[in-house]
């Protein structure tokens, strides 16, 4: 589970390391998240929940969390906590 954070958006990808392919992706630019008027931390929570739902639907329930060098606080922590609440195991 790889996370990228820009100034305005947050993106997450589930990547299969064995084959090097992206299994699924979710971002704050998804229609159902983008139309909600919430702050960036709340957006990260929504992206985490969406990523957890999509991954469980694909049969993925355990991931390795790659924060890509970002400090584990703020939006990154919110996304990870929401994904854990959604059922993903890190």
Protein backbone atom coordinates (compact mmCIF):
# COMPACT_ATOMS: atom_id res chain seq x y z
CA UNK A 1 0.00 0.00 0.00
CA UNK A 2 1.85 3.05 -1.27
CA UNK A 3 0.76 6.59 -0.35
CA UNK A 4 1.46 9.83 -2.23
CA UNK A 5 0.52 13.21 -0.79
CA UNK A 6 0.47 16.45 -2.73
CA UNK A 7 -0.46 19.90 -1.42
CA UNK A 8 -4.14 19.40 -2.23
CA UNK A 9 -4.73 15.69 -2.87
CA UNK A 10 -3.84 12.29 -1.44
CA UNK A 11 -3.46 9.07 -3.43
CA UNK A 12 -3.06 5.43 -2.43
CA UNK A 13 -2.17 2.39 -4.55
CA UNK A 14 -2.13 -1.28 -3.70
CA UNK A 15 0.80 -2.78 -5.59
CA UNK A 16 1.59 -6.47 -6.04
CA UNK A 17 5.36 -6.64 -5.50
CA UNK A 18 5.74 -10.04 -7.13
CA UNK A 19 4.33 -9.00 -10.48
CA UNK A 20 4.94 -5.24 -10.20
CA UNK A 21 1.34 -4.37 -11.07
CA UNK A 22 -1.11 -2.02 -9.41
CA UNK A 23 -4.02 -3.99 -7.98
CA UNK A 24 -6.17 -0.93 -7.23
CA UNK A 25 -5.95 2.76 -6.51
CA UNK A 26 -7.99 5.35 -4.65
CA UNK A 27 -7.58 9.08 -4.32
CA UNK A 28 -9.24 12.22 -3.08
CA UNK A 29 -10.04 12.99 -6.71
CA UNK A 30 -12.61 10.15 -6.86
CA UNK A 31 -16.03 11.60 -7.58
CA UNK A 32 -17.72 10.57 -4.31
CA UNK A 33 -14.87 12.04 -2.24
CA UNK A 34 -14.20 15.17 -4.31
CA UNK A 35 -17.78 16.40 -4.14
CA UNK A 36 -17.76 16.36 -0.32
CA UNK A 37 -16.68 19.66 1.17
CA UNK A 38 -14.34 18.52 3.96
CA UNK A 39 -10.80 19.42 5.02
CA UNK A 40 -7.74 17.51 3.82
CA UNK A 41 -7.51 15.30 6.92
CA UNK A 42 -11.12 14.20 6.50
CA UNK A 43 -10.42 13.56 2.80
CA UNK A 44 -7.56 11.27 3.82
CA UNK A 45 -9.92 9.33 6.11
CA UNK A 46 -12.39 8.89 3.26
CA UNK A 47 -9.63 7.69 0.94
CA UNK A 48 -8.47 5.18 3.57
CA UNK A 49 -11.99 3.81 3.97
CA UNK A 50 -12.43 3.59 0.20
CA UNK A 51 -9.09 1.80 -0.21
CA UNK A 52 -10.06 -0.70 2.50
CA UNK A 53 -13.44 -1.38 0.88
CA UNK A 54 -11.94 -1.88 -2.57
CA UNK A 55 -9.13 -4.11 -1.33
CA UNK A 56 -11.45 -6.34 0.69
CA UNK A 57 -13.68 -6.66 -2.38
CA UNK A 58 -10.60 -7.83 -4.34
CA UNK A 59 -9.72 -10.34 -1.61
CA UNK A 60 -6.73 -8.45 -0.19
CA UNK A 61 -6.88 -8.17 3.60
CA UNK A 62 -3.23 -7.69 4.61
CA UNK A 63 -0.85 -5.06 3.23
CA UNK A 64 2.54 -3.48 3.93
CA UNK A 65 2.15 0.27 4.48
CA UNK A 66 4.63 2.39 2.49
CA UNK A 67 4.40 6.04 3.53
CA UNK A 68 7.06 7.07 0.97
CA UNK A 69 9.14 9.05 3.45
CA UNK A 70 6.27 11.17 4.75
CA UNK A 71 6.13 11.55 8.51
CA UNK A 72 3.48 9.40 10.18
CA UNK A 73 1.12 12.13 11.35
CA UNK A 74 -1.65 14.27 9.95
CA UNK A 75 -3.12 13.05 6.69
CA UNK A 76 -0.92 9.96 6.46
CA UNK A 77 -1.95 8.81 9.94
CA UNK A 78 -5.62 9.54 9.21
CA UNK A 79 -5.51 7.46 6.04
CA UNK A 80 -3.79 4.54 7.79
CA UNK A 81 -6.18 4.60 10.75
CA UNK A 82 -9.23 4.67 8.47
CA UNK A 83 -7.85 1.76 6.42
CA UNK A 84 -7.31 -0.24 9.62
CA UNK A 85 -10.86 0.55 10.77
CA UNK A 86 -12.07 -0.58 7.35
CA UNK A 87 -10.60 -4.03 7.91
CA UNK A 88 -7.08 -3.95 6.44
CA UNK A 89 -4.25 -5.47 8.43
CA UNK A 90 -0.82 -3.79 8.28
